[in-house]
Amino acid sequence: MLDELLVKINYYANKEKTEGLTPEELTERDALRKQYLFEFRKNLRGMMENAYIKNEDGTLEKLKRKSEK
């Protein structure tokens, strides 16, 4: 999924540099960027939720979420 989004985003980035983008293409590019960031953050959150820290004594401790202020 992320690879497909990157291909489309890069296409619009290259087109913007060479020809420019129409208002419709700008809108689609912005939507693709938002979707990419959403998917990236979701994947990163999933990895962090399954991360453990190995203590000096060899025990594993689940990574805790930092409390938001």
N, C-alpha and C. Protein backbone atom coordinates (compact mmCIF):
# COMPACT_ATOMS: atom_id res chain seq x y z
N MET A 1 0.83 -1.20 0.00
CA MET A 1 0.00 0.00 0.00
C MET A 1 0.87 1.26 0.00
N LEU A 2 1.85 1.30 0.89
CA LEU A 2 2.70 2.49 0.95
C LEU A 2 3.52 2.66 -0.32
N ASP A 3 3.94 1.55 -0.91
CA ASP A 3 4.72 1.63 -2.15
C ASP A 3 3.91 2.25 -3.28
N GLU A 4 2.64 1.85 -3.38
CA GLU A 4 1.77 2.41 -4.41
C GLU A 4 1.58 3.91 -4.21
N LEU A 5 1.39 4.31 -2.96
CA LEU A 5 1.22 5.73 -2.67
C LEU A 5 2.48 6.51 -3.02
N LEU A 6 3.64 5.95 -2.70
CA LEU A 6 4.90 6.64 -3.01
C LEU A 6 5.10 6.81 -4.50
N VAL A 7 4.74 5.81 -5.27
CA VAL A 7 4.87 5.91 -6.73
C VAL A 7 4.02 7.07 -7.25
N LYS A 8 2.78 7.16 -6.78
CA LYS A 8 1.89 8.23 -7.23
C LYS A 8 2.37 9.60 -6.75
N ILE A 9 2.83 9.67 -5.50
CA ILE A 9 3.32 10.94 -4.96
C ILE A 9 4.55 11.40 -5.73
N ASN A 10 5.46 10.48 -6.01
CA ASN A 10 6.67 10.83 -6.77
C ASN A 10 6.33 11.25 -8.19
N TYR A 11 5.32 10.62 -8.78
CA TYR A 11 4.89 11.02 -10.12
C TYR A 11 4.46 12.49 -10.11
N TYR A 12 3.63 12.85 -9.13
CA TYR A 12 3.17 14.24 -9.05
C TYR A 12 4.31 15.19 -8.71
N ALA A 13 5.25 14.76 -7.91
CA ALA A 13 6.39 15.62 -7.58
C ALA A 13 7.22 15.90 -8.83
N ASN A 14 7.48 14.86 -9.61
CA ASN A 14 8.25 15.06 -10.84
C ASN A 14 7.49 15.91 -11.85
N LYS A 15 6.20 15.66 -11.97
CA LYS A 15 5.39 16.44 -12.91
C LYS A 15 5.33 17.90 -12.50
N GLU A 16 5.27 18.14 -11.18
CA GLU A 16 5.22 19.53 -10.70
C GLU A 16 6.50 20.27 -11.07
N LYS A 17 7.63 19.59 -11.00
CA LYS A 17 8.91 20.21 -11.32
C LYS A 17 9.05 20.50 -12.81
N THR A 18 8.48 19.63 -13.64
CA THR A 18 8.67 19.79 -15.08
C THR A 18 7.57 20.60 -15.75
N GLU A 19 6.31 20.24 -15.51
CA GLU A 19 5.20 20.86 -16.23
C GLU A 19 4.31 21.74 -15.35
N GLY A 20 4.25 21.42 -14.09
CA GLY A 20 3.29 22.06 -13.20
C GLY A 20 2.06 21.17 -13.07
N LEU A 21 1.27 21.42 -12.06
CA LEU A 21 0.09 20.60 -11.79
C LEU A 21 -1.18 21.43 -11.91
N THR A 22 -2.24 20.76 -12.34
CA THR A 22 -3.55 21.40 -12.38
C THR A 22 -4.12 21.43 -10.97
N PRO A 23 -5.13 22.24 -10.72
CA PRO A 23 -5.74 22.27 -9.38
C PRO A 23 -6.26 20.90 -8.93
N GLU A 24 -6.77 20.10 -9.87
CA GLU A 24 -7.26 18.76 -9.52
C GLU A 24 -6.10 17.86 -9.10
N GLU A 25 -4.98 17.99 -9.81
CA GLU A 25 -3.81 17.18 -9.48
C GLU A 25 -3.22 17.60 -8.13
N LEU A 26 -3.24 18.89 -7.85
CA LEU A 26 -2.77 19.37 -6.54
C LEU A 26 -3.62 18.79 -5.42
N THR A 27 -4.92 18.76 -5.63
CA THR A 27 -5.84 18.21 -4.63
C THR A 27 -5.57 16.73 -4.42
N GLU A 28 -5.40 16.00 -5.52
CA GLU A 28 -5.13 14.56 -5.40
C GLU A 28 -3.79 14.30 -4.74
N ARG A 29 -2.77 15.09 -5.08
CA ARG A 29 -1.46 14.94 -4.47
C ARG A 29 -1.53 15.16 -2.96
N ASP A 30 -2.24 16.19 -2.55
CA ASP A 30 -2.37 16.47 -1.12
C ASP A 30 -3.10 15.33 -0.40
N ALA A 31 -4.13 14.78 -1.04
CA ALA A 31 -4.85 13.65 -0.44
C ALA A 31 -3.95 12.42 -0.33
N LEU A 32 -3.13 12.18 -1.36
CA LEU A 32 -2.20 11.05 -1.31
C LEU A 32 -1.17 11.23 -0.21
N ARG A 33 -0.69 12.44 -0.02
CA ARG A 33 0.28 12.71 1.05
C ARG A 33 -0.34 12.45 2.43
N LYS A 34 -1.58 12.90 2.62
CA LYS A 34 -2.26 12.67 3.89
C LYS A 34 -2.45 11.18 4.14
N GLN A 35 -2.85 10.45 3.10
CA GLN A 35 -3.05 9.01 3.22
C GLN A 35 -1.73 8.31 3.55
N TYR A 36 -0.64 8.74 2.92
CA TYR A 36 0.68 8.15 3.18
C TYR A 36 1.08 8.36 4.63
N LEU A 37 0.93 9.58 5.12
CA LEU A 37 1.29 9.87 6.51
C LEU A 37 0.44 9.07 7.49
N PHE A 38 -0.85 8.93 7.20
CA PHE A 38 -1.73 8.15 8.05
C PHE A 38 -1.26 6.70 8.12
N GLU A 39 -0.98 6.10 6.97
CA GLU A 39 -0.54 4.71 6.91
C GLU A 39 0.83 4.54 7.58
N PHE A 40 1.73 5.47 7.35
CA PHE A 40 3.07 5.41 7.95
C PHE A 40 2.97 5.45 9.47
N ARG A 41 2.19 6.38 9.99
CA ARG A 41 2.03 6.49 11.45
C ARG A 41 1.37 5.25 12.04
N LYS A 42 0.38 4.70 11.33
CA LYS A 42 -0.31 3.49 11.79
C LYS A 42 0.68 2.33 11.88
N ASN A 43 1.52 2.17 10.87
CA ASN A 43 2.53 1.10 10.88
C ASN A 43 3.55 1.31 12.00
N LEU A 44 4.00 2.53 12.18
CA LEU A 44 4.97 2.82 13.22
C LEU A 44 4.38 2.58 14.60
N ARG A 45 3.13 2.99 14.79
CA ARG A 45 2.45 2.76 16.07
C ARG A 45 2.36 1.27 16.37
N GLY A 46 2.04 0.48 15.33
CA GLY A 46 1.96 -0.97 15.50
C GLY A 46 3.29 -1.58 15.88
N MET A 47 4.37 -1.11 15.28
CA MET A 47 5.69 -1.61 15.63
C MET A 47 6.06 -1.25 17.07
N MET A 48 5.74 -0.02 17.46
CA MET A 48 6.10 0.44 18.80
C MET A 48 5.29 -0.28 19.88
N GLU A 49 4.05 -0.65 19.56
CA GLU A 49 3.23 -1.36 20.53
C GLU A 49 3.74 -2.78 20.77
N ASN A 50 4.54 -3.30 19.85
CA ASN A 50 5.09 -4.64 20.00
C ASN A 50 6.58 -4.62 20.33
N ALA A 51 7.08 -3.49 20.78
CA ALA A 51 8.50 -3.35 21.09
C ALA A 51 8.75 -3.63 22.57
N TYR A 52 9.87 -4.28 22.85
CA TYR A 52 10.28 -4.58 24.22
C TYR A 52 11.69 -4.08 24.44
N ILE A 53 11.98 -3.75 25.68
CA ILE A 53 13.31 -3.32 26.07
C ILE A 53 13.91 -4.42 26.92
N LYS A 54 15.14 -4.80 26.61
CA LYS A 54 15.81 -5.83 27.38
C LYS A 54 16.60 -5.15 28.48
N ASN A 55 16.27 -5.47 29.73
CA ASN A 55 16.95 -4.90 30.89
C ASN A 55 18.30 -5.58 31.09
N GLU A 56 19.12 -4.98 31.95
CA GLU A 56 20.45 -5.53 32.22
C GLU A 56 20.38 -6.94 32.80
N ASP A 57 19.32 -7.23 33.55
CA ASP A 57 19.19 -8.57 34.15
C ASP A 57 18.63 -9.59 33.16
N GLY A 58 18.35 -9.17 31.93
CA GLY A 58 17.88 -10.08 30.90
C GLY A 58 16.38 -10.15 30.74
N THR A 59 15.64 -9.49 31.62
CA THR A 59 14.18 -9.52 31.51
C THR A 59 13.72 -8.56 30.42
N LEU A 60 12.59 -8.88 29.85
CA LEU A 60 12.02 -8.03 28.81
C LEU A 60 10.90 -7.19 29.42
N GLU A 61 10.90 -5.94 29.07
CA GLU A 61 9.88 -5.01 29.56
C GLU A 61 9.21 -4.37 28.37
N LYS A 62 7.88 -4.42 28.35
CA LYS A 62 7.13 -3.82 27.24
C LYS A 62 7.35 -2.31 27.24
N LEU A 63 7.57 -1.78 26.06
CA LEU A 63 7.76 -0.33 25.91
C LEU A 63 6.49 0.38 26.30
N LYS A 64 6.62 1.37 27.16
CA LYS A 64 5.45 2.10 27.65
C LYS A 64 5.23 3.35 26.82
N ARG A 65 3.98 3.67 26.63
CA ARG A 65 3.61 4.87 25.90
C ARG A 65 3.82 6.09 26.79
N LYS A 66 4.45 7.11 26.27
CA LYS A 66 4.67 8.34 27.02
C LYS A 66 3.34 9.04 27.20
N SER A 67 3.05 9.44 28.42
CA SER A 67 1.78 10.12 28.67
C SER A 67 1.80 11.49 28.02
N GLU A 68 0.65 11.83 27.44
CA GLU A 68 0.53 13.13 26.77
C GLU A 68 0.07 14.17 27.78
N LYS A 69 0.60 15.38 27.65
CA LYS A 69 0.27 16.46 28.58
C LYS A 69 -0.72 17.40 27.96
